[in-house]
Structure formats: C-alpha cells, structure tokens
Amino acid sequence: HAKELITLWSPRIARILDVEDYPHNIDLTI
C-alpha cells in the first residue's frame, strides 16, 4: 500500500512544489 502511495504521490508532490529534478528510484524499507 505504501509503495502504491509513493508511486502515485511523488509526481503530484513534484507538481505542488514546482520541482522537476527529484529521485525517480526510491527505496522503501520497513
């Protein structure tokens, strides 16, 4: 569920903050 959320919200957050250069390969560790 967290993985899906990251996939969906990373580009949304980039738009909100007006950021183009951000990591597109993200490690999630529990």
All heavy atoms as atom14 arrays in JSON, in Angstrom:
{
  "sequence": "HAKELITLWSPRIARILDVEDYPHNIDLTI",
  "atom14_mask": [
    [1, 1, 1, 1, 1, 1, 1, 1, 1, 1, 0, 0, 0, 0],
    [1, 1, 1, 1, 1, 0, 0, 0, 0, 0, 0, 0, 0, 0],
    [1, 1, 1, 1, 1, 1, 1, 1, 1, 0, 0, 0, 0, 0],
    [1, 1, 1, 1, 1, 1, 1, 1, 1, 0, 0, 0, 0, 0],
    [1, 1, 1, 1, 1, 1, 1, 1, 0, 0, 0, 0, 0, 0],
    [1, 1, 1, 1, 1, 1, 1, 1, 0, 0, 0, 0, 0, 0],
    [1, 1, 1, 1, 1, 1, 1, 0, 0, 0, 0, 0, 0, 0],
    [1, 1, 1, 1, 1, 1, 1, 1, 0, 0, 0, 0, 0, 0],
    [1, 1, 1, 1, 1, 1, 1, 1, 1, 1, 1, 1, 1, 1],
    [1, 1, 1, 1, 1, 1, 0, 0, 0, 0, 0, 0, 0, 0],
    [1, 1, 1, 1, 1, 1, 1, 0, 0, 0, 0, 0, 0, 0],
    [1, 1, 1, 1, 1, 1, 1, 1, 1, 1, 1, 0, 0, 0],
    [1, 1, 1, 1, 1, 1, 1, 1, 0, 0, 0, 0, 0, 0],
    [1, 1, 1, 1, 1, 0, 0, 0, 0, 0, 0, 0, 0, 0],
    [1, 1, 1, 1, 1, 1, 1, 1, 1, 1, 1, 0, 0, 0],
    [1, 1, 1, 1, 1, 1, 1, 1, 0, 0, 0, 0, 0, 0],
    [1, 1, 1, 1, 1, 1, 1, 1, 0, 0, 0, 0, 0, 0],
    [1, 1, 1, 1, 1, 1, 1, 1, 0, 0, 0, 0, 0, 0],
    [1, 1, 1, 1, 1, 1, 1, 0, 0, 0, 0, 0, 0, 0],
    [1, 1, 1, 1, 1, 1, 1, 1, 1, 0, 0, 0, 0, 0],
    [1, 1, 1, 1, 1, 1, 1, 1, 0, 0, 0, 0, 0, 0],
    [1, 1, 1, 1, 1, 1, 1, 1, 1, 1, 1, 1, 0, 0],
    [1, 1, 1, 1, 1, 1, 1, 0, 0, 0, 0, 0, 0, 0],
    [1, 1, 1, 1, 1, 1, 1, 1, 1, 1, 0, 0, 0, 0],
    [1, 1, 1, 1, 1, 1, 1, 1, 0, 0, 0, 0, 0, 0],
    [1, 1, 1, 1, 1, 1, 1, 1, 0, 0, 0, 0, 0, 0],
    [1, 1, 1, 1, 1, 1, 1, 1, 0, 0, 0, 0, 0, 0],
    [1, 1, 1, 1, 1, 1, 1, 1, 0, 0, 0, 0, 0, 0],
    [1, 1, 1, 1, 1, 1, 1, 0, 0, 0, 0, 0, 0, 0],
    [1, 1, 1, 1, 1, 1, 1, 1, 0, 0, 0, 0, 0, 0]
  ],
  "atom14_positions": [
    [[0.84, -1.2, 0.0], [0.0, 0.0, 0.0], [0.87, 1.25, 0.0], [0.62, 2.2, -0.74], [-0.92, -0.01, 1.23], [-1.94, 1.08, 1.22], [-2.77, 1.34, 2.29], [-2.25, 2.02, 0.29], [-3.54, 2.37, 2.0], [-3.26, 2.8, 0.8], [0.0, 0.0, 0.0], [0.0, 0.0, 0.0], [0.0, 0.0, 0.0], [0.0, 0.0, 0.0]],
    [[1.92, 1.24, 0.82], [2.83, 2.38, 0.88], [3.54, 2.58, -0.46], [3.73, 3.72, -0.92], [3.86, 2.16, 1.99], [0.0, 0.0, 0.0], [0.0, 0.0, 0.0], [0.0, 0.0, 0.0], [0.0, 0.0, 0.0], [0.0, 0.0, 0.0], [0.0, 0.0, 0.0], [0.0, 0.0, 0.0], [0.0, 0.0, 0.0], [0.0, 0.0, 0.0]],
    [[3.92, 1.5, -1.09], [4.58, 1.57, -2.4], [3.69, 2.23, -3.43], [4.12, 3.08, -4.21], [4.97, 0.16, -2.84], [5.65, 0.09, -4.2], [6.04, -1.35, -4.55], [6.67, -1.44, -5.93], [7.11, -2.83, -6.25], [0.0, 0.0, 0.0], [0.0, 0.0, 0.0], [0.0, 0.0, 0.0], [0.0, 0.0, 0.0], [0.0, 0.0, 0.0]],
    [[2.43, 1.83, -3.45], [1.47, 2.43, -4.37], [1.3, 3.92, -4.11], [1.18, 4.73, -5.04], [0.11, 1.72, -4.25], [0.13, 0.29, -4.76], [-1.18, -0.43, -4.5], [-2.04, 0.16, -3.79], [-1.36, -1.55, -4.99], [0.0, 0.0, 0.0], [0.0, 0.0, 0.0], [0.0, 0.0, 0.0], [0.0, 0.0, 0.0], [0.0, 0.0, 0.0]],
    [[1.31, 4.28, -2.83], [1.14, 5.68, -2.45], [2.33, 6.51, -2.93], [2.16, 7.63, -3.43], [0.99, 5.78, -0.93], [0.29, 7.03, -0.37], [-1.11, 7.16, -0.96], [0.22, 6.94, 1.14], [0.0, 0.0, 0.0], [0.0, 0.0, 0.0], [0.0, 0.0, 0.0], [0.0, 0.0, 0.0], [0.0, 0.0, 0.0], [0.0, 0.0, 0.0]],
    [[3.53, 5.98, -2.78], [4.73, 6.67, -3.25], [4.69, 6.86, -4.76], [4.99, 7.94, -5.28], [6.0, 5.89, -2.84], [6.16, 5.88, -1.32], [7.24, 6.51, -3.5], [7.26, 4.95, -0.83], [0.0, 0.0, 0.0], [0.0, 0.0, 0.0], [0.0, 0.0, 0.0], [0.0, 0.0, 0.0], [0.0, 0.0, 0.0], [0.0, 0.0, 0.0]],
    [[4.3, 5.81, -5.47], [4.22, 5.88, -6.93], [3.24, 6.95, -7.39], [3.5, 7.68, -8.34], [3.8, 4.51, -7.5], [4.74, 3.51, -7.08], [3.73, 4.54, -9.01], [0.0, 0.0, 0.0], [0.0, 0.0, 0.0], [0.0, 0.0, 0.0], [0.0, 0.0, 0.0], [0.0, 0.0, 0.0], [0.0, 0.0, 0.0], [0.0, 0.0, 0.0]],
    [[2.11, 7.04, -6.7], [1.07, 7.99, -7.06], [1.41, 9.41, -6.66], [1.2, 10.36, -7.43], [-0.26, 7.57, -6.42], [-1.48, 8.44, -6.69], [-1.84, 8.39, -8.18], [-2.66, 7.97, -5.85], [0.0, 0.0, 0.0], [0.0, 0.0, 0.0], [0.0, 0.0, 0.0], [0.0, 0.0, 0.0], [0.0, 0.0, 0.0], [0.0, 0.0, 0.0]],
    [[1.96, 9.59, -5.45], [2.12, 10.92, -4.9], [3.46, 11.59, -5.21], [3.56, 12.82, -5.1], [1.85, 10.91, -3.39], [0.39, 11.09, -3.13], [-0.58, 10.13, -3.14], [-0.27, 12.33, -2.88], [-1.81, 10.68, -2.91], [-1.65, 12.03, -2.74], [0.15, 13.64, -2.76], [-2.59, 13.02, -2.49], [-0.8, 14.64, -2.5], [-2.15, 14.32, -2.38]],
    [[4.48, 10.86, -5.58], [5.76, 11.52, -5.91], [5.6, 12.56, -7.01], [6.01, 13.72, -6.84], [6.81, 10.48, -6.3], [7.18, 9.7, -5.19], [0.0, 0.0, 0.0], [0.0, 0.0, 0.0], [0.0, 0.0, 0.0], [0.0, 0.0, 0.0], [0.0, 0.0, 0.0], [0.0, 0.0, 0.0], [0.0, 0.0, 0.0], [0.0, 0.0, 0.0]],
    [[5.02, 12.22, -8.16], [4.84, 13.25, -9.19], [3.85, 14.34, -8.79], [4.01, 15.5, -9.2], [4.34, 12.45, -10.41], [3.78, 11.18, -9.85], [4.59, 10.88, -8.63], [0.0, 0.0, 0.0], [0.0, 0.0, 0.0], [0.0, 0.0, 0.0], [0.0, 0.0, 0.0], [0.0, 0.0, 0.0], [0.0, 0.0, 0.0], [0.0, 0.0, 0.0]],
    [[2.85, 14.0, -7.99], [1.91, 15.02, -7.52], [2.63, 16.04, -6.65], [2.42, 17.25, -6.79], [0.77, 14.38, -6.72], [-0.22, 13.6, -7.55], [-1.36, 13.09, -6.69], [-2.33, 12.34, -7.47], [-3.42, 11.77, -6.96], [-3.66, 11.85, -5.65], [-4.25, 11.11, -7.74], [0.0, 0.0, 0.0], [0.0, 0.0, 0.0], [0.0, 0.0, 0.0]],
    [[3.45, 15.55, -5.73], [4.19, 16.44, -4.85], [5.16, 17.3, -5.64], [5.34, 18.49, -5.36], [4.92, 15.63, -3.76], [3.9, 15.01, -2.81], [5.91, 16.5, -2.98], [4.47, 13.93, -1.9], [0.0, 0.0, 0.0], [0.0, 0.0, 0.0], [0.0, 0.0, 0.0], [0.0, 0.0, 0.0], [0.0, 0.0, 0.0], [0.0, 0.0, 0.0]],
    [[5.78, 16.71, -6.66], [6.68, 17.47, -7.51], [5.95, 18.63, -8.19], [6.49, 19.74, -8.3], [7.31, 16.56, -8.56], [0.0, 0.0, 0.0], [0.0, 0.0, 0.0], [0.0, 0.0, 0.0], [0.0, 0.0, 0.0], [0.0, 0.0, 0.0], [0.0, 0.0, 0.0], [0.0, 0.0, 0.0], [0.0, 0.0, 0.0], [0.0, 0.0, 0.0]],
    [[4.72, 18.41, -8.61], [3.93, 19.48, -9.22], [3.57, 20.54, -8.19], [3.63, 21.74, -8.47], [2.65, 18.9, -9.85], [2.87, 18.06, -11.09], [1.56, 17.69, -11.74], [1.74, 16.82, -12.9], [1.7, 15.5, -12.86], [1.46, 14.88, -11.72], [1.88, 14.79, -13.95], [0.0, 0.0, 0.0], [0.0, 0.0, 0.0], [0.0, 0.0, 0.0]],
    [[3.16, 20.1, -7.0], [2.78, 21.03, -5.95], [3.94, 21.96, -5.59], [3.75, 23.16, -5.37], [2.32, 20.25, -4.7], [0.99, 19.52, -4.98], [2.16, 21.18, -3.48], [0.66, 18.44, -3.96], [0.0, 0.0, 0.0], [0.0, 0.0, 0.0], [0.0, 0.0, 0.0], [0.0, 0.0, 0.0], [0.0, 0.0, 0.0], [0.0, 0.0, 0.0]],
    [[5.14, 21.39, -5.53], [6.32, 22.17, -5.14], [7.03, 22.79, -6.34], [8.02, 23.5, -6.16], [7.29, 21.27, -4.36], [6.76, 20.71, -3.05], [7.84, 19.85, -2.38], [6.31, 21.82, -2.1], [0.0, 0.0, 0.0], [0.0, 0.0, 0.0], [0.0, 0.0, 0.0], [0.0, 0.0, 0.0], [0.0, 0.0, 0.0], [0.0, 0.0, 0.0]],
    [[6.55, 22.5, -7.54], [7.17, 23.01, -8.76], [8.61, 22.52, -8.89], [9.55, 23.31, -9.12], [7.11, 24.54, -8.8], [7.34, 25.09, -10.21], [7.16, 24.32, -11.18], [7.71, 26.27, -10.33], [0.0, 0.0, 0.0], [0.0, 0.0, 0.0], [0.0, 0.0, 0.0], [0.0, 0.0, 0.0], [0.0, 0.0, 0.0], [0.0, 0.0, 0.0]],
    [[8.8, 21.21, -8.73], [10.11, 20.59, -8.8], [10.15, 19.62, -9.98], [9.25, 18.79, -10.13], [10.43, 19.82, -7.49], [11.7, 18.99, -7.64], [10.56, 20.79, -6.33], [0.0, 0.0, 0.0], [0.0, 0.0, 0.0], [0.0, 0.0, 0.0], [0.0, 0.0, 0.0], [0.0, 0.0, 0.0], [0.0, 0.0, 0.0], [0.0, 0.0, 0.0]],
    [[11.16, 19.71, -10.81], [11.32, 18.78, -11.92], [12.38, 17.72, -11.63], [12.25, 16.58, -12.05], [11.69, 19.55, -13.2], [10.56, 20.39, -13.76], [10.9, 20.98, -15.12], [12.07, 20.85, -15.53], [10.0, 21.54, -15.76], [0.0, 0.0, 0.0], [0.0, 0.0, 0.0], [0.0, 0.0, 0.0], [0.0, 0.0, 0.0], [0.0, 0.0, 0.0]],
    [[13.43, 18.1, -10.93], [14.55, 17.19, -10.67], [14.4, 16.56, -9.28], [14.7, 17.2, -8.27], [15.87, 17.94, -10.78], [17.07, 17.01, -10.68], [16.88, 15.78, -10.8], [18.19, 17.5, -10.46], [0.0, 0.0, 0.0], [0.0, 0.0, 0.0], [0.0, 0.0, 0.0], [0.0, 0.0, 0.0], [0.0, 0.0, 0.0], [0.0, 0.0, 0.0]],
    [[13.92, 15.34, -9.25], [13.74, 14.62, -7.99], [13.97, 13.13, -8.24], [13.91, 12.67, -9.37], [12.35, 14.87, -7.4], [11.2, 14.37, -8.25], [10.6, 13.14, -7.99], [10.72, 15.12, -9.32], [9.56, 12.66, -8.78], [9.68, 14.66, -10.11], [9.11, 13.43, -9.83], [8.07, 12.97, -10.62], [0.0, 0.0, 0.0], [0.0, 0.0, 0.0]],
    [[14.25, 12.36, -7.19], [14.55, 10.92, -7.38], [13.38, 10.17, -8.0], [12.24, 10.28, -7.56], [14.83, 10.43, -5.96], [15.27, 11.65, -5.22], [14.45, 12.77, -5.78], [0.0, 0.0, 0.0], [0.0, 0.0, 0.0], [0.0, 0.0, 0.0], [0.0, 0.0, 0.0], [0.0, 0.0, 0.0], [0.0, 0.0, 0.0], [0.0, 0.0, 0.0]],
    [[13.69, 9.36, -9.01], [12.67, 8.52, -9.64], [12.89, 7.04, -9.31], [12.18, 6.18, -9.82], [12.67, 8.73, -11.15], [12.08, 10.03, -11.56], [12.72, 11.24, -11.38], [10.88, 10.33, -12.12], [11.95, 12.21, -11.82], [10.82, 11.7, -12.28], [0.0, 0.0, 0.0], [0.0, 0.0, 0.0], [0.0, 0.0, 0.0], [0.0, 0.0, 0.0]],
    [[13.86, 6.77, -8.46], [14.1, 5.43, -7.96], [14.18, 5.52, -6.44], [15.16, 6.05, -5.9], [15.41, 4.88, -8.54], [15.54, 3.38, -8.35], [15.23, 2.86, -7.28], [16.01, 2.68, -9.36], [0.0, 0.0, 0.0], [0.0, 0.0, 0.0], [0.0, 0.0, 0.0], [0.0, 0.0, 0.0], [0.0, 0.0, 0.0], [0.0, 0.0, 0.0]],
    [[13.15, 5.06, -5.77], [13.01, 5.27, -4.32], [13.03, 3.93, -3.59], [12.31, 3.0, -3.97], [11.71, 6.03, -4.01], [11.74, 7.41, -4.69], [11.52, 6.18, -2.49], [10.45, 8.19, -4.55], [0.0, 0.0, 0.0], [0.0, 0.0, 0.0], [0.0, 0.0, 0.0], [0.0, 0.0, 0.0], [0.0, 0.0, 0.0], [0.0, 0.0, 0.0]],
    [[13.86, 3.85, -2.56], [13.93, 2.65, -1.73], [13.02, 2.81, -0.52], [13.12, 3.81, 0.21], [15.36, 2.42, -1.25], [16.32, 2.13, -2.39], [15.88, 1.53, -3.39], [17.5, 2.51, -2.29], [0.0, 0.0, 0.0], [0.0, 0.0, 0.0], [0.0, 0.0, 0.0], [0.0, 0.0, 0.0], [0.0, 0.0, 0.0], [0.0, 0.0, 0.0]],
    [[12.15, 1.84, -0.3], [11.26, 1.83, 0.87], [11.57, 0.59, 1.7], [11.39, -0.53, 1.23], [9.8, 1.81, 0.43], [8.76, 1.59, 1.54], [8.82, 2.72, 2.57], [7.36, 1.47, 0.95], [0.0, 0.0, 0.0], [0.0, 0.0, 0.0], [0.0, 0.0, 0.0], [0.0, 0.0, 0.0], [0.0, 0.0, 0.0], [0.0, 0.0, 0.0]],
    [[12.04, 0.81, 2.93], [12.38, -0.29, 3.83], [11.55, -0.2, 5.1], [11.48, 0.86, 5.73], [13.88, -0.23, 4.21], [14.67, -0.32, 3.03], [14.23, -1.37, 5.15], [0.0, 0.0, 0.0], [0.0, 0.0, 0.0], [0.0, 0.0, 0.0], [0.0, 0.0, 0.0], [0.0, 0.0, 0.0], [0.0, 0.0, 0.0], [0.0, 0.0, 0.0]],
    [[10.92, -1.31, 5.43], [10.27, -1.41, 6.74], [11.19, -2.25, 7.62], [11.39, -3.44, 7.36], [8.87, -2.05, 6.64], [8.01, -1.29, 5.63], [8.19, -2.07, 8.01], [6.64, -1.89, 5.41], [0.0, 0.0, 0.0], [0.0, 0.0, 0.0], [0.0, 0.0, 0.0], [0.0, 0.0, 0.0], [0.0, 0.0, 0.0], [0.0, 0.0, 0.0]]
  ]
}
